[in-house]
């Protein structure tokens, strides 16, 4: 009799702990730890490779996982690819922070990334004969908006910028994106959405405004780790 080897990768080693079909993906692994300890019942850690903490537990009787992904398209794309193709995850919900580039957005506002403009070249691998429109899964987006409405949470729905560049040598770059109606800038949604689309699974990016780039307003690292609870609660209900 043969036995199959336990599923693991060089970056995710669950040690036999199940990873749920729905996972929340904060960039900060300490935010994953906070969510597991604050909201999940019977949470069990399934990953600590490179300090990228991951947990599986239940929320209102539904099995949910949560794991950090790090910063930027390469990191998000690596983890999300493995979660989809090795561990069978079907619904991936990024919960992250973003910098506003529109005047009507304020600190702690919530944004649902309907579309993801990007300066990344991640899509080149698919050899597409044109420009691909990078979008969220409508199934998750529609449900998330209904949940936010039911909770009385005001949210903004629109296009975001998923950039490879945090410190841009071109000081006019974000102004140009703003003029195209982009709501805010972050660094992971494009890679997540592309991986999900290519694999035929669902993905949504839910963001909390942590900075207003043009007004030079910002939250603290501690607030980003633990105070974005409205976003977390929408994502948990969605899961």
C-alpha atoms as a PDB file:
ATOM      1  CA  UNK A   1       0.000   0.000   0.000  1.00  0.00           C
ATOM      2  CA  UNK A   2       1.294   3.437  -0.907  1.00  0.00           C
ATOM      3  CA  UNK A   3       0.577   6.597   1.021  1.00  0.00           C
ATOM      4  CA  UNK A   4       0.597  10.067  -0.457  1.00  0.00           C
ATOM      5  CA  UNK A   5       3.111  12.558   0.845  1.00  0.00           C
ATOM      6  CA  UNK A   6       1.680  15.446   2.874  1.00  0.00           C
ATOM      7  CA  UNK A   7       1.151  18.614   0.843  1.00  0.00           C
ATOM      8  CA  UNK A   8       3.771  21.254   1.422  1.00  0.00           C
ATOM      9  CA  UNK A   9       5.944  23.713  -0.484  1.00  0.00           C
ATOM     10  CA  UNK A  10       9.258  25.377   0.368  1.00  0.00           C
ATOM     11  CA  UNK A  11       7.211  28.327   1.666  1.00  0.00           C
ATOM     12  CA  UNK A  12       4.114  26.739   3.246  1.00  0.00           C
ATOM     13  CA  UNK A  13       4.478  23.684   5.509  1.00  0.00           C
ATOM     14  CA  UNK A  14       1.129  22.979   7.212  1.00  0.00           C
ATOM     15  CA  UNK A  15       2.278  19.851   9.049  1.00  0.00           C
ATOM     16  CA  UNK A  16      -1.044  18.143   8.396  1.00  0.00           C
ATOM     17  CA  UNK A  17      -3.229  21.134   9.337  1.00  0.00           C
ATOM     18  CA  UNK A  18      -5.946  21.734   6.750  1.00  0.00           C
ATOM     19  CA  UNK A  19      -5.994  24.968   4.771  1.00  0.00           C
ATOM     20  CA  UNK A  20      -9.592  26.013   4.091  1.00  0.00           C
ATOM     21  CA  UNK A  21     -11.002  26.657   0.618  1.00  0.00           C
ATOM     22  CA  UNK A  22     -11.529  30.292   1.667  1.00  0.00           C
ATOM     23  CA  UNK A  23      -8.584  32.291   2.963  1.00  0.00           C
ATOM     24  CA  UNK A  24      -8.055  35.875   4.115  1.00  0.00           C
ATOM     25  CA  UNK A  25      -4.731  37.343   3.003  1.00  0.00           C
ATOM     26  CA  UNK A  26      -3.360  40.341   4.901  1.00  0.00           C
ATOM     27  CA  UNK A  27       0.080  41.489   3.864  1.00  0.00           C
ATOM     28  CA  UNK A  28       1.294  41.646   7.465  1.00  0.00           C
ATOM     29  CA  UNK A  29       1.622  38.192   9.113  1.00  0.00           C
ATOM     30  CA  UNK A  30       0.972  39.814  12.505  1.00  0.00           C
ATOM     31  CA  UNK A  31      -2.405  40.954  11.169  1.00  0.00           C
ATOM     32  CA  UNK A  32      -3.102  37.293  10.356  1.00  0.00           C
ATOM     33  CA  UNK A  33      -2.213  36.403  13.942  1.00  0.00           C
ATOM     34  CA  UNK A  34      -4.510  39.151  15.274  1.00  0.00           C
ATOM     35  CA  UNK A  35      -7.429  37.930  13.156  1.00  0.00           C
ATOM     36  CA  UNK A  36      -6.916  34.321  14.236  1.00  0.00           C
ATOM     37  CA  UNK A  37      -6.721  35.208  17.916  1.00  0.00           C
ATOM     38  CA  UNK A  38      -9.552  37.759  17.840  1.00  0.00           C
ATOM     39  CA  UNK A  39     -12.145  36.255  15.524  1.00  0.00           C
ATOM     40  CA  UNK A  40     -11.510  32.560  14.828  1.00  0.00           C
ATOM     41  CA  UNK A  41     -12.559  29.691  17.058  1.00  0.00           C
ATOM     42  CA  UNK A  42     -10.201  26.749  17.576  1.00  0.00           C
ATOM     43  CA  UNK A  43      -7.539  28.400  15.446  1.00  0.00           C
ATOM     44  CA  UNK A  44      -4.516  26.220  14.672  1.00  0.00           C
ATOM     45  CA  UNK A  45      -1.315  27.551  13.148  1.00  0.00           C
ATOM     46  CA  UNK A  46      -0.453  25.938   9.819  1.00  0.00           C
ATOM     47  CA  UNK A  47       2.565  27.962   8.758  1.00  0.00           C
ATOM     48  CA  UNK A  48       5.508  29.860  10.180  1.00  0.00           C
ATOM     49  CA  UNK A  49       8.062  29.468   7.398  1.00  0.00           C
ATOM     50  CA  UNK A  50       9.955  32.776   7.028  1.00  0.00           C
ATOM     51  CA  UNK A  51       7.663  34.186   9.717  1.00  0.00           C
ATOM     52  CA  UNK A  52       4.706  34.160   7.311  1.00  0.00           C
ATOM     53  CA  UNK A  53       2.111  33.083   9.858  1.00  0.00           C
ATOM     54  CA  UNK A  54      -0.966  31.153   8.766  1.00  0.00           C
ATOM     55  CA  UNK A  55      -3.922  29.807  10.757  1.00  0.00           C
ATOM     56  CA  UNK A  56      -7.066  27.770  10.185  1.00  0.00           C
ATOM     57  CA  UNK A  57     -10.130  28.015  12.418  1.00  0.00           C
ATOM     58  CA  UNK A  58     -13.855  28.584  12.240  1.00  0.00           C
ATOM     59  CA  UNK A  59     -16.027  31.697  12.109  1.00  0.00           C
ATOM     60  CA  UNK A  60     -19.742  31.201  12.725  1.00  0.00           C
ATOM     61  CA  UNK A  61     -19.264  27.528  12.017  1.00  0.00           C
ATOM     62  CA  UNK A  62     -17.464  28.021   8.698  1.00  0.00           C
ATOM     63  CA  UNK A  63     -13.880  26.864   8.255  1.00  0.00           C
ATOM     64  CA  UNK A  64     -11.624  29.781   7.293  1.00  0.00           C
ATOM     65  CA  UNK A  65      -7.885  30.227   6.956  1.00  0.00           C
ATOM     66  CA  UNK A  66      -5.848  33.407   7.243  1.00  0.00           C
ATOM     67  CA  UNK A  67      -2.231  33.949   6.250  1.00  0.00           C
ATOM     68  CA  UNK A  68       0.184  36.800   5.618  1.00  0.00           C
ATOM     69  CA  UNK A  69       1.526  37.334   2.113  1.00  0.00           C
ATOM     70  CA  UNK A  70       4.252  39.939   2.491  1.00  0.00           C
ATOM     71  CA  UNK A  71       4.616  43.006   0.289  1.00  0.00           C
ATOM     72  CA  UNK A  72       4.496  43.345  -3.480  1.00  0.00           C
ATOM     73  CA  UNK A  73       3.344  41.370  -6.490  1.00  0.00           C
ATOM     74  CA  UNK A  74       6.128  38.736  -6.370  1.00  0.00           C
ATOM     75  CA  UNK A  75       5.393  37.804  -2.762  1.00  0.00           C
ATOM     76  CA  UNK A  76       1.592  37.802  -3.132  1.00  0.00           C
ATOM     77  CA  UNK A  77       1.821  35.904  -6.408  1.00  0.00           C
ATOM     78  CA  UNK A  78       4.070  33.212  -4.962  1.00  0.00           C
ATOM     79  CA  UNK A  79       1.858  32.533  -1.945  1.00  0.00           C
ATOM     80  CA  UNK A  80      -1.441  32.774  -3.789  1.00  0.00           C
ATOM     81  CA  UNK A  81      -0.206  30.448  -6.576  1.00  0.00           C
ATOM     82  CA  UNK A  82       0.787  27.803  -4.026  1.00  0.00           C
ATOM     83  CA  UNK A  83      -2.456  28.189  -2.071  1.00  0.00           C
ATOM     84  CA  UNK A  84      -4.473  27.722  -5.256  1.00  0.00           C
ATOM     85  CA  UNK A  85      -2.510  24.996  -7.038  1.00  0.00           C
ATOM     86  CA  UNK A  86      -1.066  22.979  -4.153  1.00  0.00           C
ATOM     87  CA  UNK A  87      -3.603  23.432  -1.366  1.00  0.00           C
ATOM     88  CA  UNK A  88      -6.834  23.815  -3.352  1.00  0.00           C
ATOM     89  CA  UNK A  89      -7.924  27.253  -2.139  1.00  0.00           C
ATOM     90  CA  UNK A  90     -10.926  28.549  -4.113  1.00  0.00           C
ATOM     91  CA  UNK A  91     -11.667  31.967  -2.590  1.00  0.00           C
ATOM     92  CA  UNK A  92      -8.828  34.381  -1.844  1.00  0.00           C
ATOM     93  CA  UNK A  93      -9.654  37.655  -0.102  1.00  0.00           C
ATOM     94  CA  UNK A  94      -6.851  40.147   0.317  1.00  0.00           C
ATOM     95  CA  UNK A  95      -7.337  42.522   3.250  1.00  0.00           C
ATOM     96  CA  UNK A  96      -4.732  45.232   3.069  1.00  0.00           C
ATOM     97  CA  UNK A  97      -3.817  48.868   3.424  1.00  0.00           C
ATOM     98  CA  UNK A  98      -3.613  51.473   0.674  1.00  0.00           C
ATOM     99  CA  UNK A  99      -2.670  55.070   0.063  1.00  0.00           C
ATOM    100  CA  UNK A 100      -5.494  57.309  -1.161  1.00  0.00           C
ATOM    101  CA  UNK A 101      -4.937  59.483  -4.228  1.00  0.00           C
ATOM    102  CA  UNK A 102      -8.444  60.988  -4.494  1.00  0.00           C
ATOM    103  CA  UNK A 103      -9.664  63.944  -2.420  1.00  0.00           C
ATOM    104  CA  UNK A 104     -12.928  62.283  -1.391  1.00  0.00           C
ATOM    105  CA  UNK A 105     -11.131  59.409   0.358  1.00  0.00           C
ATOM    106  CA  UNK A 106     -10.121  59.684   4.019  1.00  0.00           C
ATOM    107  CA  UNK A 107      -8.131  57.635   6.523  1.00  0.00           C
ATOM    108  CA  UNK A 108      -9.905  54.382   7.486  1.00  0.00           C
ATOM    109  CA  UNK A 109     -12.219  54.463   4.456  1.00  0.00           C
ATOM    110  CA  UNK A 110     -12.802  51.043   2.900  1.00  0.00           C
ATOM    111  CA  UNK A 111     -12.206  50.357  -0.791  1.00  0.00           C
ATOM    112  CA  UNK A 112     -13.276  47.323  -2.809  1.00  0.00           C
ATOM    113  CA  UNK A 113     -10.874  46.890  -5.720  1.00  0.00           C
ATOM    114  CA  UNK A 114     -13.187  46.268  -8.676  1.00  0.00           C
ATOM    115  CA  UNK A 115     -10.270  46.621 -11.077  1.00  0.00           C
ATOM    116  CA  UNK A 116      -6.515  46.715 -10.705  1.00  0.00           C
ATOM    117  CA  UNK A 117      -4.390  48.960 -12.908  1.00  0.00           C
ATOM    118  CA  UNK A 118      -0.724  48.090 -12.662  1.00  0.00           C
ATOM    119  CA  UNK A 119       2.809  48.983 -13.658  1.00  0.00           C
ATOM    120  CA  UNK A 120       3.865  45.375 -13.044  1.00  0.00           C
ATOM    121  CA  UNK A 121       4.906  43.089 -15.890  1.00  0.00           C
ATOM    122  CA  UNK A 122       3.539  39.984 -14.133  1.00  0.00           C
ATOM    123  CA  UNK A 123       1.022  39.253 -16.917  1.00  0.00           C
ATOM    124  CA  UNK A 124       3.753  38.857 -19.543  1.00  0.00           C
ATOM    125  CA  UNK A 125       4.017  35.138 -18.705  1.00  0.00           C
ATOM    126  CA  UNK A 126       0.605  34.464 -20.258  1.00  0.00           C
ATOM    127  CA  UNK A 127       1.757  35.703 -23.705  1.00  0.00           C
ATOM    128  CA  UNK A 128      -1.538  37.488 -24.318  1.00  0.00           C
ATOM    129  CA  UNK A 129      -1.952  39.294 -27.649  1.00  0.00           C
ATOM    130  CA  UNK A 130      -3.030  42.536 -25.976  1.00  0.00           C
ATOM    131  CA  UNK A 131      -3.738  44.184 -22.612  1.00  0.00           C
ATOM    132  CA  UNK A 132      -5.732  42.134 -20.098  1.00  0.00           C
ATOM    133  CA  UNK A 133      -8.332  43.878 -17.904  1.00  0.00           C
ATOM    134  CA  UNK A 134      -7.439  42.831 -14.355  1.00  0.00           C
ATOM    135  CA  UNK A 135     -10.625  42.585 -12.288  1.00  0.00           C
ATOM    136  CA  UNK A 136     -12.019  41.088  -9.108  1.00  0.00           C
ATOM    137  CA  UNK A 137     -14.373  38.120  -9.116  1.00  0.00           C
ATOM    138  CA  UNK A 138     -17.853  39.618  -9.414  1.00  0.00           C
ATOM    139  CA  UNK A 139     -19.296  36.870  -7.197  1.00  0.00           C
ATOM    140  CA  UNK A 140     -17.162  37.988  -4.250  1.00  0.00           C
ATOM    141  CA  UNK A 141     -17.475  41.692  -5.047  1.00  0.00           C
ATOM    142  CA  UNK A 142     -21.271  41.583  -5.174  1.00  0.00           C
ATOM    143  CA  UNK A 143     -21.503  39.643  -1.904  1.00  0.00           C
ATOM    144  CA  UNK A 144     -19.032  41.950  -0.173  1.00  0.00           C
ATOM    145  CA  UNK A 145     -21.006  45.049  -1.173  1.00  0.00           C
ATOM    146  CA  UNK A 146     -24.245  43.511   0.164  1.00  0.00           C
ATOM    147  CA  UNK A 147     -22.511  42.649   3.448  1.00  0.00           C
ATOM    148  CA  UNK A 148     -21.119  46.172   3.803  1.00  0.00           C
ATOM    149  CA  UNK A 149     -24.551  47.658   3.105  1.00  0.00           C
ATOM    150  CA  UNK A 150     -26.144  45.367   5.703  1.00  0.00           C
ATOM    151  CA  UNK A 151     -23.513  46.427   8.265  1.00  0.00           C
ATOM    152  CA  UNK A 152     -24.075  50.088   7.449  1.00  0.00           C
ATOM    153  CA  UNK A 153     -20.493  50.447   6.267  1.00  0.00           C
ATOM    154  CA  UNK A 154     -19.790  53.035   3.584  1.00  0.00           C
ATOM    155  CA  UNK A 155     -17.399  51.638   1.016  1.00  0.00           C
ATOM    156  CA  UNK A 156     -15.855  52.892  -2.214  1.00  0.00           C
ATOM    157  CA  UNK A 157     -15.874  50.551  -5.215  1.00  0.00           C
ATOM    158  CA  UNK A 158     -13.585  51.210  -8.163  1.00  0.00           C
ATOM    159  CA  UNK A 159     -10.164  50.892  -9.719  1.00  0.00           C
ATOM    160  CA  UNK A 160      -6.972  50.802  -7.688  1.00  0.00           C
ATOM    161  CA  UNK A 161      -3.307  50.917  -8.640  1.00  0.00           C
ATOM    162  CA  UNK A 162      -1.247  47.808  -7.927  1.00  0.00           C
ATOM    163  CA  UNK A 163       2.296  49.116  -8.189  1.00  0.00           C
ATOM    164  CA  UNK A 164       5.700  47.481  -8.017  1.00  0.00           C
ATOM    165  CA  UNK A 165       7.144  50.789  -6.830  1.00  0.00           C
ATOM    166  CA  UNK A 166       6.818  52.169  -3.303  1.00  0.00           C
ATOM    167  CA  UNK A 167       9.460  54.914  -3.611  1.00  0.00           C
ATOM    168  CA  UNK A 168       8.916  56.221  -7.134  1.00  0.00           C
ATOM    169  CA  UNK A 169      11.656  58.247  -8.816  1.00  0.00           C
ATOM    170  CA  UNK A 170       8.916  59.921 -10.880  1.00  0.00           C
ATOM    171  CA  UNK A 171       7.116  62.346  -8.529  1.00  0.00           C
ATOM    172  CA  UNK A 172       4.291  62.826 -11.046  1.00  0.00           C
ATOM    173  CA  UNK A 173       3.352  59.145 -11.419  1.00  0.00           C
ATOM    174  CA  UNK A 174       0.564  58.987  -8.830  1.00  0.00           C
ATOM    175  CA  UNK A 175      -0.925  62.270 -10.038  1.00  0.00           C
ATOM    176  CA  UNK A 176      -1.277  60.730 -13.491  1.00  0.00           C
ATOM    177  CA  UNK A 177      -3.040  57.685 -12.075  1.00  0.00           C
ATOM    178  CA  UNK A 178      -5.286  59.950 -10.009  1.00  0.00           C
ATOM    179  CA  UNK A 179      -6.336  61.797 -13.145  1.00  0.00           C
ATOM    180  CA  UNK A 180      -7.562  58.448 -14.530  1.00  0.00           C
ATOM    181  CA  UNK A 181      -9.883  58.005 -11.540  1.00  0.00           C
ATOM    182  CA  UNK A 182      -7.727  55.506  -9.643  1.00  0.00           C
ATOM    183  CA  UNK A 183      -8.839  55.566  -6.004  1.00  0.00           C
ATOM    184  CA  UNK A 184      -5.721  54.437  -4.182  1.00  0.00           C
ATOM    185  CA  UNK A 185      -2.382  52.679  -4.480  1.00  0.00           C
ATOM    186  CA  UNK A 186      -1.335  49.305  -3.096  1.00  0.00           C
ATOM    187  CA  UNK A 187       1.044  46.567  -4.261  1.00  0.00           C
ATOM    188  CA  UNK A 188      -0.618  43.161  -4.425  1.00  0.00           C
ATOM    189  CA  UNK A 189      -4.036  43.053  -6.113  1.00  0.00           C
ATOM    190  CA  UNK A 190      -2.835  42.636  -9.705  1.00  0.00           C
ATOM    191  CA  UNK A 191      -0.810  39.507  -9.003  1.00  0.00           C
ATOM    192  CA  UNK A 192      -3.619  37.995  -6.939  1.00  0.00           C
ATOM    193  CA  UNK A 193      -6.288  38.717  -9.553  1.00  0.00           C
ATOM    194  CA  UNK A 194      -4.157  37.382 -12.409  1.00  0.00           C
ATOM    195  CA  UNK A 195      -3.367  34.145 -10.577  1.00  0.00           C
ATOM    196  CA  UNK A 196      -7.021  33.665  -9.683  1.00  0.00           C
ATOM    197  CA  UNK A 197      -8.276  34.381 -13.202  1.00  0.00           C
ATOM    198  CA  UNK A 198      -5.789  31.993 -14.804  1.00  0.00           C
ATOM    199  CA  UNK A 199      -6.760  29.248 -12.343  1.00  0.00           C
ATOM    200  CA  UNK A 200     -10.516  29.870 -12.526  1.00  0.00           C
ATOM    201  CA  UNK A 201     -10.950  30.693  -8.831  1.00  0.00           C
ATOM    202  CA  UNK A 202     -12.304  33.740  -6.977  1.00  0.00           C
ATOM    203  CA  UNK A 203     -10.364  36.715  -5.639  1.00  0.00           C
ATOM    204  CA  UNK A 204     -11.211  40.078  -4.114  1.00  0.00           C
ATOM    205  CA  UNK A 205      -9.074  42.830  -2.625  1.00  0.00           C
ATOM    206  CA  UNK A 206     -10.574  44.788   0.294  1.00  0.00           C
ATOM    207  CA  UNK A 207      -8.508  47.776   1.396  1.00  0.00           C
ATOM    208  CA  UNK A 208      -8.456  50.244   4.259  1.00  0.00           C
ATOM    209  CA  UNK A 209      -6.973  53.673   3.599  1.00  0.00           C
ATOM    210  CA  UNK A 210      -3.898  53.914   5.817  1.00  0.00           C
ATOM    211  CA  UNK A 211      -2.405  57.014   4.182  1.00  0.00           C
ATOM    212  CA  UNK A 212      -3.508  59.937   2.067  1.00  0.00           C
ATOM    213  CA  UNK A 213      -0.542  60.403  -0.205  1.00  0.00           C
ATOM    214  CA  UNK A 214      -1.263  63.939  -1.412  1.00  0.00           C
ATOM    215  CA  UNK A 215      -2.369  65.246   2.002  1.00  0.00           C
ATOM    216  CA  UNK A 216       0.549  63.571   3.820  1.00  0.00           C
ATOM    217  CA  UNK A 217      -1.785  61.921   6.342  1.00  0.00           C
ATOM    218  CA  UNK A 218      -1.020  58.497   7.790  1.00  0.00           C
ATOM    219  CA  UNK A 219      -1.873  55.888  10.411  1.00  0.00           C
ATOM    220  CA  UNK A 220       0.691  54.157  12.627  1.00  0.00           C
ATOM    221  CA  UNK A 221       2.091  50.651  12.004  1.00  0.00           C
ATOM    222  CA  UNK A 222       0.240  49.458  15.119  1.00  0.00           C
ATOM    223  CA  UNK A 223      -3.059  50.805  13.805  1.00  0.00           C
ATOM    224  CA  UNK A 224      -2.494  49.062  10.472  1.00  0.00           C
ATOM    225  CA  UNK A 225      -1.905  45.790  12.282  1.00  0.00           C
ATOM    226  CA  UNK A 226      -4.937  45.770  14.567  1.00  0.00           C
ATOM    227  CA  UNK A 227      -7.330  48.687  13.985  1.00  0.00           C
ATOM    228  CA  UNK A 228      -8.670  47.828  10.549  1.00  0.00           C
ATOM    229  CA  UNK A 229     -11.455  45.783  12.094  1.00  0.00           C
ATOM    230  CA  UNK A 230     -14.302  46.978   9.833  1.00  0.00           C
ATOM    231  CA  UNK A 231     -12.491  45.587   6.799  1.00  0.00           C
ATOM    232  CA  UNK A 232     -11.732  42.362   8.653  1.00  0.00           C
ATOM    233  CA  UNK A 233     -15.357  41.872   9.678  1.00  0.00           C
ATOM    234  CA  UNK A 234     -16.646  42.351   6.132  1.00  0.00           C
ATOM    235  CA  UNK A 235     -14.120  39.797   4.896  1.00  0.00           C
ATOM    236  CA  UNK A 236     -15.013  37.285   7.620  1.00  0.00           C
ATOM    237  CA  UNK A 237     -18.719  37.537   6.815  1.00  0.00           C
ATOM    238  CA  UNK A 238     -17.878  37.163   3.125  1.00  0.00           C
ATOM    239  CA  UNK A 239     -15.883  34.019   3.835  1.00  0.00           C
END
